[in-house]
Every structure is written in structure tokens, then in C-alpha cells.
Amino acid sequence: MPNPETQPFWDAADRGELLLKHCTACDRPHHYPRSLCPFCFSARTEWTQPSGRGRIYAFSVARRASPAYVVAYVQLDEGPMLLSHIVDCAPEDIHIDQAVEVTFQPDHEARMRPVFKPLAP
């Protein structure tokens, strides 16, 4: 559920954009969105748009679901890690350190969610 701190993230997702919070005090991006930087506790944070590219850090295949789906931690090129789904490929084709890019798909409530798809080799 969106809250005042995360609403801009979800509004951007509905527009097909990925946003991250960035601390101007320590110059580090972070995710999950929050008003205070988790590294230096500064309130000097702002929304920025990352490249949307990253690499699979870890993943798990939910094979009991029909169809099977993949949940993964994706480390963005900018540093933060997001928990998301990997889409547009077979689960057996996914591997650690695979390059991915963000795309957006609706969830069961028709809200757009950032998910990731493999980049062509």
C-alpha cells in the first residue's frame, strides 16, 4: 500500500518510470523509499530516475505456481537492490549476474509494478 513517503514511487510506476531516492548529503541512492537516508540519516533526499538496468543478484523459481514465476533481487547499476520478478524468459534461462532492465506490468489490482527482463546478450 502506498503511503506519503512512497506515493511518488508508485505514481511514477503507473507512468512506466522507475524512481529512486537519492541523498544529497552523502551522495548515495537508496531503496526502499523513505524520507531519511538509511546511510547518514539526512533528510536531504530527492527523487531521481536511474538507468533501469542492473544484474540479477539472487533468484528463486516458484515452480508450484501455474505458470511458474521467478522472484529475484536485482542490483541496479546505481547500487540499490530491488526485490522484483523476472519476466519475458523461461525460468531455466535465468542465471546469477545476468543483465536485466526494468519494464512494467500490472499486478492483480491493476497497479503498475516494476519488473525486470533479461537484456539481449
Foldseek 3Di string as FASTA:
>chain_A
DDDPQCVVQLVQLQVWFGKWKAAPVVGATEDDGDQADPPPRDSRIDIDGAPQKFWFADKDWQVVDVNIWMWTWTQHPRGYTDIATEDDDDPVPDDGRFMWGWGWDADPVGRIDIHIYGDDD
